[in-house]
Amino acid sequence: MRKGKKVQKRTQKWTVGIIVAIISFTLIGSSFVSIFQPGMEQDEQNQSQQILEKEYNERKQIVEALTAKLEGNPEDSDTKLALGDAYYDKAIVTAQLNVKEHKEDLGKAKEMYRQVLAKEESSDVMLKLATTAFLLGDSELAEKTYNKILQKEPENSGALYGYGMFLFYEKDDHQQAQELWQKALGLTTDEYLQQRLEEMITLAKGMELNPNEAEDK
């Protein structure tokens, strides 16, 4: 029975925690988040649906334009990176509209990032790959990539944040996640990232203080 509750708890984390905490702090500059919340009025739900559909169509058009551009020059790494970002950006919306398409978008983003990295190593692109792999459930690739970044750049605040999220949600390692976030908090000057780190540190501390209660919820 307890195991079932733990699985349910993790599922809740992935549906709300990952979408809000990771995707809203996206690696490519978008801050769009429109999630249907329990208790929403019908008018609010309709408005959110319209916003989602509008965003979906806009992001789909960007993907199509970049795909056509890449077909004209298949070896263009800049276009591949832009297309990977476009698929990742579109996945933010499809996560709330169509789970199958969401997975497909992330898979295509991952492939674009891997192709870019095959030609030139970049910590920024590796961070995008790690986060995309994490969201896809490719734990081995995500952890390997986060560690590779941090071995080269131990003070990379974005990687510390992302790997902390991975450890917290995928490994249930709240202590190590908290340590990474504390380190990142002392390194970043980004106010939004500071806020996210403080929120996650508080959450991790709360789960350490009440582990049994947290597991039963």
N, C-alpha and C. Protein backbone atom coordinates (compact mmCIF):
# COMPACT_ATOMS: atom_id res chain seq x y z
N MET A 1 0.83 -1.21 0.00
CA MET A 1 0.00 0.00 0.00
C MET A 1 0.86 1.25 0.00
N ARG A 2 1.87 1.25 0.84
CA ARG A 2 2.76 2.40 0.91
C ARG A 2 3.48 2.62 -0.42
N LYS A 3 3.87 1.50 -1.08
CA LYS A 3 4.55 1.63 -2.35
C LYS A 3 3.66 2.30 -3.37
N GLY A 4 2.37 1.94 -3.37
CA GLY A 4 1.44 2.56 -4.29
C GLY A 4 1.31 4.05 -4.06
N LYS A 5 1.30 4.45 -2.78
CA LYS A 5 1.22 5.87 -2.46
C LYS A 5 2.46 6.59 -2.93
N LYS A 6 3.61 5.93 -2.82
CA LYS A 6 4.85 6.56 -3.24
C LYS A 6 4.85 6.79 -4.75
N VAL A 7 4.34 5.79 -5.50
CA VAL A 7 4.26 5.94 -6.94
C VAL A 7 3.32 7.07 -7.30
N GLN A 8 2.18 7.14 -6.60
CA GLN A 8 1.22 8.22 -6.86
C GLN A 8 1.85 9.57 -6.55
N LYS A 9 2.60 9.63 -5.46
CA LYS A 9 3.27 10.88 -5.08
C LYS A 9 4.25 11.31 -6.16
N ARG A 10 5.02 10.37 -6.69
CA ARG A 10 6.00 10.71 -7.72
C ARG A 10 5.28 11.17 -8.98
N THR A 11 4.16 10.52 -9.33
CA THR A 11 3.41 10.94 -10.51
C THR A 11 2.92 12.36 -10.36
N GLN A 12 2.43 12.71 -9.17
CA GLN A 12 1.98 14.07 -8.92
C GLN A 12 3.13 15.05 -9.07
N LYS A 13 4.30 14.69 -8.60
CA LYS A 13 5.46 15.55 -8.74
C LYS A 13 5.78 15.80 -10.21
N TRP A 14 5.72 14.72 -11.01
CA TRP A 14 6.10 14.87 -12.41
C TRP A 14 5.09 15.71 -13.17
N THR A 15 3.80 15.60 -12.85
CA THR A 15 2.82 16.36 -13.60
C THR A 15 2.83 17.83 -13.23
N VAL A 16 3.00 18.13 -11.97
CA VAL A 16 2.99 19.52 -11.54
C VAL A 16 4.40 20.06 -11.35
N GLY A 17 5.22 19.34 -10.60
CA GLY A 17 6.55 19.83 -10.28
C GLY A 17 7.43 20.03 -11.50
N ILE A 18 7.45 19.06 -12.40
CA ILE A 18 8.33 19.17 -13.55
C ILE A 18 7.86 20.28 -14.49
N ILE A 19 6.56 20.31 -14.79
CA ILE A 19 6.06 21.33 -15.71
C ILE A 19 6.30 22.72 -15.17
N VAL A 20 5.99 22.94 -13.89
CA VAL A 20 6.13 24.28 -13.33
C VAL A 20 7.57 24.61 -13.00
N ALA A 21 8.24 23.72 -12.31
CA ALA A 21 9.57 24.05 -11.78
C ALA A 21 10.67 24.00 -12.82
N ILE A 22 10.57 23.08 -13.79
CA ILE A 22 11.63 22.99 -14.79
C ILE A 22 11.26 23.75 -16.06
N ILE A 23 10.09 23.47 -16.61
CA ILE A 23 9.78 24.07 -17.89
C ILE A 23 9.56 25.57 -17.78
N SER A 24 9.00 26.04 -16.66
CA SER A 24 8.82 27.48 -16.53
C SER A 24 10.16 28.19 -16.40
N PHE A 25 11.18 27.46 -15.89
CA PHE A 25 12.55 27.99 -15.92
C PHE A 25 13.24 27.35 -17.11
N THR A 26 12.74 27.66 -18.30
CA THR A 26 13.24 27.00 -19.49
C THR A 26 14.63 27.46 -19.86
N LEU A 27 15.30 26.64 -20.63
CA LEU A 27 16.67 26.94 -21.03
C LEU A 27 16.73 27.84 -22.24
N ILE A 28 15.58 28.12 -22.85
CA ILE A 28 15.62 28.83 -24.12
C ILE A 28 14.81 30.12 -24.11
N GLY A 29 14.50 30.62 -22.95
CA GLY A 29 13.97 31.97 -22.86
C GLY A 29 12.47 32.10 -22.74
N SER A 30 11.71 31.02 -22.85
CA SER A 30 10.26 31.15 -22.75
C SER A 30 9.82 31.02 -21.30
N SER A 31 8.80 31.78 -20.94
CA SER A 31 8.27 31.68 -19.58
C SER A 31 6.80 31.32 -19.62
N PHE A 32 6.33 30.77 -20.76
CA PHE A 32 4.91 30.47 -20.91
C PHE A 32 4.53 29.24 -20.10
N VAL A 33 3.59 29.41 -19.20
CA VAL A 33 3.02 28.28 -18.47
C VAL A 33 1.53 28.54 -18.30
N SER A 34 0.69 27.61 -18.72
CA SER A 34 -0.75 27.77 -18.55
C SER A 34 -1.33 26.42 -18.20
N ILE A 35 -1.40 26.14 -16.91
CA ILE A 35 -1.81 24.82 -16.46
C ILE A 35 -3.21 24.90 -15.88
N PHE A 36 -4.06 23.95 -16.25
CA PHE A 36 -5.40 23.89 -15.67
C PHE A 36 -5.29 23.46 -14.22
N GLN A 37 -5.85 24.26 -13.34
CA GLN A 37 -5.79 23.98 -11.92
C GLN A 37 -7.16 23.54 -11.40
N PRO A 38 -7.20 22.66 -10.39
CA PRO A 38 -8.47 22.27 -9.79
C PRO A 38 -9.22 23.50 -9.29
N GLY A 39 -10.52 23.53 -9.54
CA GLY A 39 -11.32 24.65 -9.05
C GLY A 39 -11.43 25.81 -10.01
N MET A 40 -10.81 25.68 -11.17
CA MET A 40 -10.90 26.73 -12.17
C MET A 40 -12.34 26.90 -12.64
N GLU A 41 -12.77 28.13 -12.82
CA GLU A 41 -14.08 28.39 -13.40
C GLU A 41 -14.06 28.00 -14.87
N GLN A 42 -15.24 27.73 -15.43
CA GLN A 42 -15.33 27.31 -16.82
C GLN A 42 -14.78 28.36 -17.76
N ASP A 43 -15.07 29.63 -17.48
CA ASP A 43 -14.57 30.71 -18.33
C ASP A 43 -13.04 30.75 -18.31
N GLU A 44 -12.46 30.52 -17.13
CA GLU A 44 -11.00 30.51 -17.01
C GLU A 44 -10.41 29.33 -17.78
N GLN A 45 -11.08 28.18 -17.71
CA GLN A 45 -10.60 27.01 -18.45
C GLN A 45 -10.66 27.26 -19.96
N ASN A 46 -11.75 27.87 -20.41
CA ASN A 46 -11.89 28.17 -21.83
C ASN A 46 -10.81 29.14 -22.29
N GLN A 47 -10.55 30.14 -21.45
CA GLN A 47 -9.53 31.13 -21.79
C GLN A 47 -8.15 30.48 -21.86
N SER A 48 -7.85 29.62 -20.89
CA SER A 48 -6.58 28.91 -20.88
C SER A 48 -6.44 28.02 -22.11
N GLN A 49 -7.54 27.36 -22.48
CA GLN A 49 -7.53 26.50 -23.66
C GLN A 49 -7.23 27.31 -24.92
N GLN A 50 -7.84 28.47 -25.03
CA GLN A 50 -7.59 29.33 -26.20
C GLN A 50 -6.14 29.79 -26.26
N ILE A 51 -5.59 30.14 -25.09
CA ILE A 51 -4.18 30.57 -25.03
C ILE A 51 -3.27 29.42 -25.45
N LEU A 52 -3.57 28.22 -24.95
CA LEU A 52 -2.76 27.05 -25.29
C LEU A 52 -2.80 26.77 -26.79
N GLU A 53 -3.99 26.82 -27.36
CA GLU A 53 -4.12 26.53 -28.78
C GLU A 53 -3.40 27.57 -29.63
N LYS A 54 -3.47 28.82 -29.22
CA LYS A 54 -2.77 29.88 -29.94
C LYS A 54 -1.26 29.66 -29.87
N GLU A 55 -0.75 29.36 -28.67
CA GLU A 55 0.67 29.10 -28.49
C GLU A 55 1.10 27.88 -29.29
N TYR A 56 0.26 26.86 -29.27
CA TYR A 56 0.58 25.63 -30.00
C TYR A 56 0.76 25.92 -31.48
N ASN A 57 -0.18 26.65 -32.08
CA ASN A 57 -0.12 26.94 -33.50
C ASN A 57 1.11 27.77 -33.85
N GLU A 58 1.43 28.74 -33.00
CA GLU A 58 2.60 29.58 -33.24
C GLU A 58 3.89 28.76 -33.17
N ARG A 59 3.99 27.90 -32.17
CA ARG A 59 5.21 27.11 -32.00
C ARG A 59 5.33 26.03 -33.07
N LYS A 60 4.19 25.50 -33.50
CA LYS A 60 4.21 24.52 -34.58
C LYS A 60 4.72 25.16 -35.87
N GLN A 61 4.31 26.39 -36.13
CA GLN A 61 4.76 27.10 -37.33
C GLN A 61 6.28 27.33 -37.30
N ILE A 62 6.80 27.64 -36.13
CA ILE A 62 8.25 27.84 -35.99
C ILE A 62 9.00 26.53 -36.29
N VAL A 63 8.49 25.42 -35.74
CA VAL A 63 9.09 24.11 -35.99
C VAL A 63 9.08 23.80 -37.49
N GLU A 64 7.96 24.05 -38.13
CA GLU A 64 7.84 23.75 -39.56
C GLU A 64 8.80 24.60 -40.39
N ALA A 65 8.93 25.88 -40.04
CA ALA A 65 9.83 26.77 -40.78
C ALA A 65 11.28 26.33 -40.63
N LEU A 66 11.67 25.97 -39.41
CA LEU A 66 13.05 25.55 -39.17
C LEU A 66 13.34 24.19 -39.79
N THR A 67 12.34 23.31 -39.81
CA THR A 67 12.49 22.01 -40.46
C THR A 67 12.76 22.19 -41.95
N ALA A 68 12.00 23.08 -42.57
CA ALA A 68 12.20 23.37 -44.00
C ALA A 68 13.58 23.97 -44.24
N LYS A 69 14.00 24.84 -43.35
CA LYS A 69 15.32 25.46 -43.49
C LYS A 69 16.43 24.41 -43.37
N LEU A 70 16.27 23.47 -42.44
CA LEU A 70 17.28 22.43 -42.26
C LEU A 70 17.33 21.49 -43.45
N GLU A 71 16.20 21.25 -44.08
CA GLU A 71 16.18 20.40 -45.27
C GLU A 71 17.04 21.00 -46.38
N GLY A 72 17.11 22.34 -46.40
CA GLY A 72 17.93 23.00 -47.41
C GLY A 72 19.41 22.96 -47.11
N ASN A 73 19.75 22.73 -45.83
CA ASN A 73 21.16 22.65 -45.43
C ASN A 73 21.26 21.72 -44.22
N PRO A 74 21.23 20.41 -44.47
CA PRO A 74 21.14 19.41 -43.39
C PRO A 74 22.29 19.42 -42.39
N GLU A 75 23.41 20.04 -42.74
CA GLU A 75 24.57 20.03 -41.83
C GLU A 75 24.70 21.33 -41.04
N ASP A 76 23.71 22.19 -41.10
CA ASP A 76 23.76 23.48 -40.42
C ASP A 76 23.49 23.30 -38.92
N SER A 77 24.53 23.36 -38.12
CA SER A 77 24.38 23.14 -36.67
C SER A 77 23.56 24.23 -36.00
N ASP A 78 23.67 25.45 -36.49
CA ASP A 78 22.89 26.54 -35.90
C ASP A 78 21.39 26.29 -36.07
N THR A 79 21.01 25.82 -37.25
CA THR A 79 19.59 25.53 -37.49
C THR A 79 19.15 24.32 -36.68
N LYS A 80 20.02 23.33 -36.57
CA LYS A 80 19.69 22.16 -35.74
C LYS A 80 19.43 22.56 -34.30
N LEU A 81 20.28 23.45 -33.78
CA LEU A 81 20.11 23.91 -32.40
C LEU A 81 18.80 24.70 -32.26
N ALA A 82 18.54 25.57 -33.22
CA ALA A 82 17.31 26.35 -33.18
C ALA A 82 16.08 25.44 -33.27
N LEU A 83 16.18 24.38 -34.08
CA LEU A 83 15.06 23.44 -34.21
C LEU A 83 14.88 22.64 -32.92
N GLY A 84 15.99 22.25 -32.31
CA GLY A 84 15.89 21.56 -31.02
C GLY A 84 15.20 22.43 -29.99
N ASP A 85 15.58 23.70 -29.95
CA ASP A 85 14.94 24.63 -29.03
C ASP A 85 13.46 24.81 -29.34
N ALA A 86 13.13 24.84 -30.64
CA ALA A 86 11.74 25.02 -31.05
C ALA A 86 10.88 23.82 -30.63
N TYR A 87 11.44 22.61 -30.78
CA TYR A 87 10.71 21.42 -30.34
C TYR A 87 10.54 21.42 -28.82
N TYR A 88 11.60 21.82 -28.11
CA TYR A 88 11.52 21.89 -26.65
C TYR A 88 10.48 22.91 -26.23
N ASP A 89 10.48 24.07 -26.90
CA ASP A 89 9.53 25.13 -26.61
C ASP A 89 8.10 24.66 -26.89
N LYS A 90 7.92 23.94 -27.98
CA LYS A 90 6.59 23.40 -28.32
C LYS A 90 6.15 22.36 -27.30
N ALA A 91 7.11 21.62 -26.76
CA ALA A 91 6.79 20.58 -25.77
C ALA A 91 6.17 21.17 -24.51
N ILE A 92 6.49 22.44 -24.22
CA ILE A 92 5.89 23.09 -23.07
C ILE A 92 4.38 23.14 -23.21
N VAL A 93 3.93 23.36 -24.44
CA VAL A 93 2.50 23.44 -24.71
C VAL A 93 1.88 22.05 -24.87
N THR A 94 2.54 21.19 -25.65
CA THR A 94 1.96 19.86 -25.88
C THR A 94 1.91 19.03 -24.60
N ALA A 95 2.70 19.38 -23.61
CA ALA A 95 2.62 18.69 -22.32
C ALA A 95 1.23 18.83 -21.72
N GLN A 96 0.54 19.90 -22.09
CA GLN A 96 -0.78 20.19 -21.53
C GLN A 96 -1.91 19.87 -22.49
N LEU A 97 -1.56 19.44 -23.71
CA LEU A 97 -2.57 19.16 -24.72
C LEU A 97 -2.58 17.71 -25.19
N ASN A 98 -1.38 17.15 -25.39
CA ASN A 98 -1.30 15.83 -25.99
C ASN A 98 -0.01 15.16 -25.52
N VAL A 99 -0.13 14.19 -24.64
CA VAL A 99 1.04 13.55 -24.03
C VAL A 99 1.92 12.87 -25.07
N LYS A 100 1.30 12.20 -26.04
CA LYS A 100 2.06 11.51 -27.08
C LYS A 100 2.89 12.52 -27.88
N GLU A 101 2.27 13.61 -28.28
CA GLU A 101 2.99 14.62 -29.05
C GLU A 101 4.08 15.28 -28.20
N HIS A 102 3.79 15.45 -26.92
CA HIS A 102 4.78 16.00 -26.00
C HIS A 102 6.05 15.15 -25.99
N LYS A 103 5.88 13.84 -25.88
CA LYS A 103 7.03 12.93 -25.89
C LYS A 103 7.76 12.99 -27.23
N GLU A 104 7.00 13.07 -28.31
CA GLU A 104 7.62 13.16 -29.63
C GLU A 104 8.44 14.44 -29.78
N ASP A 105 7.90 15.55 -29.29
CA ASP A 105 8.62 16.83 -29.36
C ASP A 105 9.92 16.76 -28.58
N LEU A 106 9.86 16.20 -27.37
CA LEU A 106 11.07 16.09 -26.56
C LEU A 106 12.08 15.15 -27.21
N GLY A 107 11.59 14.08 -27.81
CA GLY A 107 12.48 13.14 -28.48
C GLY A 107 13.21 13.79 -29.66
N LYS A 108 12.49 14.62 -30.41
CA LYS A 108 13.11 15.31 -31.54
C LYS A 108 14.09 16.38 -31.06
N ALA A 109 13.73 17.06 -29.98
CA ALA A 109 14.66 18.04 -29.39
C ALA A 109 15.94 17.35 -28.95
N LYS A 110 15.80 16.22 -28.28
CA LYS A 110 16.97 15.46 -27.82
C LYS A 110 17.87 15.07 -28.99
N GLU A 111 17.26 14.61 -30.07
CA GLU A 111 18.04 14.19 -31.24
C GLU A 111 18.79 15.37 -31.85
N MET A 112 18.14 16.53 -31.93
CA MET A 112 18.81 17.71 -32.47
C MET A 112 20.00 18.11 -31.59
N TYR A 113 19.80 18.10 -30.29
CA TYR A 113 20.89 18.47 -29.38
C TYR A 113 22.06 17.49 -29.49
N ARG A 114 21.75 16.21 -29.65
CA ARG A 114 22.82 15.22 -29.77
C ARG A 114 23.60 15.40 -31.08
N GLN A 115 22.89 15.76 -32.12
CA GLN A 115 23.58 16.00 -33.39
C GLN A 115 24.49 17.22 -33.31
N VAL A 116 24.02 18.25 -32.63
CA VAL A 116 24.85 19.45 -32.46
C VAL A 116 26.10 19.12 -31.65
N LEU A 117 25.92 18.37 -30.58
CA LEU A 117 27.04 18.01 -29.70
C LEU A 117 28.02 17.06 -30.38
N ALA A 118 27.57 16.32 -31.36
CA ALA A 118 28.46 15.40 -32.09
C ALA A 118 29.51 16.18 -32.87
N LYS A 119 29.21 17.43 -33.19
CA LYS A 119 30.15 18.27 -33.94
C LYS A 119 30.98 19.17 -33.04
N GLU A 120 30.35 19.66 -31.97
CA GLU A 120 31.06 20.59 -31.08
C GLU A 120 30.47 20.51 -29.67
N GLU A 121 31.34 20.35 -28.68
CA GLU A 121 30.88 20.25 -27.30
C GLU A 121 30.56 21.64 -26.76
N SER A 122 29.44 21.73 -26.09
CA SER A 122 28.99 23.00 -25.52
C SER A 122 28.23 22.72 -24.24
N SER A 123 28.62 23.37 -23.15
CA SER A 123 27.95 23.15 -21.87
C SER A 123 26.49 23.58 -21.93
N ASP A 124 26.21 24.66 -22.67
CA ASP A 124 24.84 25.13 -22.79
C ASP A 124 23.96 24.09 -23.49
N VAL A 125 24.48 23.51 -24.56
CA VAL A 125 23.71 22.51 -25.29
C VAL A 125 23.61 21.22 -24.46
N MET A 126 24.67 20.87 -23.75
CA MET A 126 24.62 19.69 -22.89
C MET A 126 23.56 19.85 -21.80
N LEU A 127 23.42 21.06 -21.29
CA LEU A 127 22.40 21.30 -20.26
C LEU A 127 21.01 21.13 -20.85
N LYS A 128 20.82 21.59 -22.09
CA LYS A 128 19.53 21.38 -22.75
C LYS A 128 19.27 19.90 -22.97
N LEU A 129 20.31 19.16 -23.36
CA LEU A 129 20.17 17.73 -23.58
C LEU A 129 19.83 17.02 -22.28
N ALA A 130 20.53 17.37 -21.21
CA ALA A 130 20.30 16.74 -19.91
C ALA A 130 18.87 16.96 -19.44
N THR A 131 18.39 18.18 -19.56
CA THR A 131 17.03 18.51 -19.11
C THR A 131 15.99 17.81 -19.97
N THR A 132 16.22 17.77 -21.28
CA THR A 132 15.29 17.09 -22.17
C THR A 132 15.25 15.60 -21.87
N ALA A 133 16.42 15.01 -21.65
CA ALA A 133 16.47 13.59 -21.31
C ALA A 133 15.75 13.31 -20.00
N PHE A 134 15.93 14.19 -19.03
CA PHE A 134 15.25 14.07 -17.74
C PHE A 134 13.74 14.06 -17.94
N LEU A 135 13.22 15.00 -18.71
CA LEU A 135 11.78 15.08 -18.94
C LEU A 135 11.26 13.87 -19.71
N LEU A 136 12.11 13.27 -20.53
CA LEU A 136 11.71 12.07 -21.28
C LEU A 136 11.76 10.81 -20.44
N GLY A 137 12.41 10.89 -19.28
CA GLY A 137 12.58 9.70 -18.46
C GLY A 137 13.81 8.91 -18.81
N ASP A 138 14.71 9.51 -19.60
CA ASP A 138 15.98 8.86 -19.94
C ASP A 138 16.98 9.19 -18.83
N SER A 139 16.84 8.52 -17.71
CA SER A 139 17.61 8.85 -16.51
C SER A 139 19.11 8.69 -16.70
N GLU A 140 19.49 7.63 -17.41
CA GLU A 140 20.93 7.36 -17.60
C GLU A 140 21.60 8.51 -18.35
N LEU A 141 21.00 8.93 -19.46
CA LEU A 141 21.57 10.02 -20.25
C LEU A 141 21.54 11.33 -19.47
N ALA A 142 20.44 11.59 -18.77
CA ALA A 142 20.31 12.83 -18.01
C ALA A 142 21.41 12.94 -16.95
N GLU A 143 21.56 11.88 -16.15
CA GLU A 143 22.55 11.93 -15.07
C GLU A 143 23.97 12.01 -15.61
N LYS A 144 24.24 11.23 -16.64
CA LYS A 144 25.57 11.24 -17.26
C LYS A 144 25.91 12.65 -17.77
N THR A 145 24.95 13.30 -18.38
CA THR A 145 25.20 14.61 -18.98
C THR A 145 25.34 15.69 -17.91
N TYR A 146 24.48 15.66 -16.89
CA TYR A 146 24.62 16.62 -15.80
C TYR A 146 26.00 16.50 -15.15
N ASN A 147 26.41 15.27 -14.90
CA ASN A 147 27.72 15.05 -14.27
C ASN A 147 28.86 15.51 -15.16
N LYS A 148 28.73 15.30 -16.45
CA LYS A 148 29.77 15.73 -17.39
C LYS A 148 29.95 17.25 -17.36
N ILE A 149 28.82 17.97 -17.30
CA ILE A 149 28.90 19.43 -17.21
C ILE A 149 29.58 19.85 -15.92
N LEU A 150 29.16 19.26 -14.82
CA LEU A 150 29.66 19.68 -13.51
C LEU A 150 31.11 19.27 -13.27
N GLN A 151 31.56 18.24 -13.95
CA GLN A 151 32.98 17.89 -13.86
C GLN A 151 33.84 18.97 -14.50
N LYS A 152 33.34 19.54 -15.60
CA LYS A 152 34.05 20.61 -16.29
C LYS A 152 33.82 21.97 -15.64
N GLU A 153 32.59 22.19 -15.19
CA GLU A 153 32.19 23.49 -14.65
C GLU A 153 31.43 23.30 -13.34
N PRO A 154 32.15 23.04 -12.24
CA PRO A 154 31.48 22.74 -10.97
C PRO A 154 30.65 23.89 -10.41
N GLU A 155 30.82 25.08 -10.97
CA GLU A 155 30.04 26.22 -10.50
C GLU A 155 29.01 26.67 -11.53
N ASN A 156 28.61 25.77 -12.39
CA ASN A 156 27.57 26.06 -13.37
C ASN A 156 26.22 26.01 -12.65
N SER A 157 25.64 27.17 -12.36
CA SER A 157 24.42 27.23 -11.54
C SER A 157 23.23 26.56 -12.21
N GLY A 158 23.15 26.65 -13.54
CA GLY A 158 22.06 26.00 -14.25
C GLY A 158 22.14 24.49 -14.13
N ALA A 159 23.34 23.95 -14.24
CA ALA A 159 23.52 22.50 -14.11
C ALA A 159 23.29 22.05 -12.67
N LEU A 160 23.71 22.85 -11.71
CA LEU A 160 23.46 22.52 -10.31
C LEU A 160 21.97 22.49 -10.00
N TYR A 161 21.26 23.46 -10.55
CA TYR A 161 19.80 23.49 -10.39
C TYR A 161 19.15 22.28 -11.04
N GLY A 162 19.51 22.03 -12.31
CA GLY A 162 18.90 20.93 -13.03
C GLY A 162 19.21 19.57 -12.45
N TYR A 163 20.47 19.35 -12.06
CA TYR A 163 20.83 18.06 -11.49
C TYR A 163 20.17 17.88 -10.13
N GLY A 164 20.02 18.97 -9.41
CA GLY A 164 19.30 18.90 -8.15
C GLY A 164 17.85 18.47 -8.35
N MET A 165 17.21 19.02 -9.40
CA MET A 165 15.84 18.62 -9.71
C MET A 165 15.78 17.13 -10.07
N PHE A 166 16.78 16.69 -10.83
CA PHE A 166 16.83 15.27 -11.20
C PHE A 166 16.95 14.40 -9.96
N LEU A 167 17.87 14.75 -9.07
CA LEU A 167 18.07 13.95 -7.86
C LEU A 167 16.83 13.97 -6.97
N PHE A 168 16.19 15.11 -6.90
CA PHE A 168 15.01 15.25 -6.03
C PHE A 168 13.84 14.43 -6.55
N TYR A 169 13.54 14.57 -7.84
CA TYR A 169 12.36 13.92 -8.39
C TYR A 169 12.60 12.49 -8.87
N GLU A 170 13.76 12.23 -9.45
CA GLU A 170 14.00 10.91 -10.01
C GLU A 170 14.61 9.96 -8.99
N LYS A 171 15.49 10.47 -8.12
CA LYS A 171 16.21 9.62 -7.18
C LYS A 171 15.70 9.72 -5.75
N ASP A 172 14.81 10.67 -5.50
CA ASP A 172 14.34 10.93 -4.13
C ASP A 172 15.50 11.23 -3.18
N ASP A 173 16.57 11.79 -3.71
CA ASP A 173 17.74 12.15 -2.90
C ASP A 173 17.62 13.63 -2.53
N HIS A 174 16.83 13.91 -1.50
CA HIS A 174 16.52 15.29 -1.14
C HIS A 174 17.73 16.00 -0.53
N GLN A 175 18.57 15.25 0.17
CA GLN A 175 19.72 15.85 0.83
C GLN A 175 20.75 16.36 -0.18
N GLN A 176 21.11 15.52 -1.14
CA GLN A 176 22.10 15.94 -2.12
C GLN A 176 21.54 17.04 -3.01
N ALA A 177 20.26 16.93 -3.34
CA ALA A 177 19.63 17.98 -4.15
C ALA A 177 19.72 19.32 -3.43
N GLN A 178 19.42 19.30 -2.14
CA GLN A 178 19.48 20.53 -1.35
C GLN A 178 20.89 21.11 -1.33
N GLU A 179 21.89 20.25 -1.23
CA GLU A 179 23.28 20.72 -1.22
C GLU A 179 23.64 21.41 -2.54
N LEU A 180 23.19 20.82 -3.64
CA LEU A 180 23.46 21.42 -4.95
C LEU A 180 22.76 22.77 -5.09
N TRP A 181 21.53 22.84 -4.61
CA TRP A 181 20.78 24.10 -4.71
C TRP A 181 21.40 25.18 -3.82
N GLN A 182 21.86 24.79 -2.65
CA GLN A 182 22.52 25.76 -1.77
C GLN A 182 23.77 26.33 -2.45
N LYS A 183 24.50 25.46 -3.11
CA LYS A 183 25.70 25.90 -3.81
C LYS A 183 25.33 26.85 -4.95
N ALA A 184 24.32 26.46 -5.71
CA ALA A 184 23.89 27.30 -6.84
C ALA A 184 23.38 28.65 -6.36
N LEU A 185 22.71 28.65 -5.22
CA LEU A 185 22.16 29.90 -4.67
C LEU A 185 23.27 30.90 -4.38
N GLY A 186 24.41 30.40 -3.96
CA GLY A 186 25.53 31.28 -3.66
C GLY A 186 26.29 31.74 -4.90
N LEU A 187 25.95 31.17 -6.05
CA LEU A 187 26.68 31.48 -7.27
C LEU A 187 25.91 32.37 -8.25
N THR A 188 24.58 32.25 -8.24
CA THR A 188 23.79 32.96 -9.24
C THR A 188 23.37 34.35 -8.80
N THR A 189 23.26 35.24 -9.77
CA THR A 189 22.73 36.58 -9.51
C THR A 189 21.36 36.75 -10.17
N ASP A 190 20.89 35.69 -10.84
CA ASP A 190 19.59 35.71 -11.50
C ASP A 190 18.49 35.65 -10.43
N GLU A 191 17.69 36.70 -10.36
CA GLU A 191 16.68 36.78 -9.30
C GLU A 191 15.63 35.68 -9.40
N TYR A 192 15.23 35.35 -10.63
CA TYR A 192 14.21 34.31 -10.79
C TYR A 192 14.76 32.95 -10.37
N LEU A 193 16.00 32.66 -10.78
CA LEU A 193 16.60 31.39 -10.39
C LEU A 193 16.80 31.34 -8.87
N GLN A 194 17.18 32.45 -8.27
CA GLN A 194 17.32 32.51 -6.82
C GLN A 194 16.01 32.16 -6.14
N GLN A 195 14.92 32.69 -6.66
CA GLN A 195 13.61 32.40 -6.09
C GLN A 195 13.26 30.93 -6.21
N ARG A 196 13.51 30.35 -7.39
CA ARG A 196 13.22 28.94 -7.59
C ARG A 196 14.07 28.08 -6.66
N LEU A 197 15.34 28.42 -6.51
CA LEU A 197 16.23 27.66 -5.64
C LEU A 197 15.76 27.72 -4.20
N GLU A 198 15.40 28.90 -3.75
CA GLU A 198 14.93 29.06 -2.37
C GLU A 198 13.67 28.24 -2.13
N GLU A 199 12.76 28.22 -3.11
CA GLU A 199 11.53 27.43 -2.97
C GLU A 199 11.84 25.95 -2.88
N MET A 200 12.76 25.47 -3.73
CA MET A 200 13.08 24.05 -3.72
C MET A 200 13.85 23.65 -2.47
N ILE A 201 14.71 24.52 -1.98
CA ILE A 201 15.44 24.24 -0.74
C ILE A 201 14.46 24.11 0.43
N THR A 202 13.48 25.01 0.48
CA THR A 202 12.46 24.95 1.52
C THR A 202 11.66 23.66 1.42
N LEU A 203 11.32 23.25 0.19
CA LEU A 203 10.58 22.00 0.00
C LEU A 203 11.39 20.80 0.46
N ALA A 204 12.68 20.79 0.10
CA ALA A 204 13.55 19.67 0.48
C ALA A 204 13.70 19.58 2.00
N LYS A 205 13.85 20.73 2.64
CA LYS A 205 13.97 20.74 4.10
C LYS A 205 12.70 20.22 4.75
N GLY A 206 11.56 20.59 4.19
CA GLY A 206 10.29 20.13 4.74
C GLY A 206 10.13 18.64 4.62
N MET A 207 10.61 18.06 3.54
CA MET A 207 10.50 16.62 3.35
C MET A 207 11.48 15.87 4.25
N GLU A 208 12.60 16.51 4.58
CA GLU A 208 13.54 15.89 5.51
C GLU A 208 12.97 15.87 6.93
N LEU A 209 12.26 16.95 7.28
CA LEU A 209 11.69 17.05 8.63
C LEU A 209 10.52 16.11 8.82
N ASN A 210 9.73 15.88 7.74
CA ASN A 210 8.54 15.04 7.84
C ASN A 210 8.53 13.99 6.73
N PRO A 211 9.53 13.11 6.69
CA PRO A 211 9.61 12.14 5.58
C PRO A 211 8.44 11.19 5.52
N ASN A 212 7.95 10.71 6.65
CA ASN A 212 6.84 9.77 6.65
C ASN A 212 5.54 10.41 6.21
N GLU A 213 5.35 11.65 6.71
CA GLU A 213 4.14 12.38 6.33
C GLU A 213 4.15 12.69 4.85
N ALA A 214 5.33 13.10 4.33
CA ALA A 214 5.43 13.44 2.91
C ALA A 214 5.15 12.22 2.03
N GLU A 215 5.64 11.04 2.49
CA GLU A 215 5.47 9.84 1.69
C GLU A 215 4.03 9.39 1.64
N ASP A 216 3.28 9.65 2.73
CA ASP A 216 1.89 9.19 2.79
C ASP A 216 0.95 10.09 2.01
N LYS A 217 1.42 11.30 1.64
CA LYS A 217 0.51 12.24 0.97
C LYS A 217 0.40 11.89 -0.51
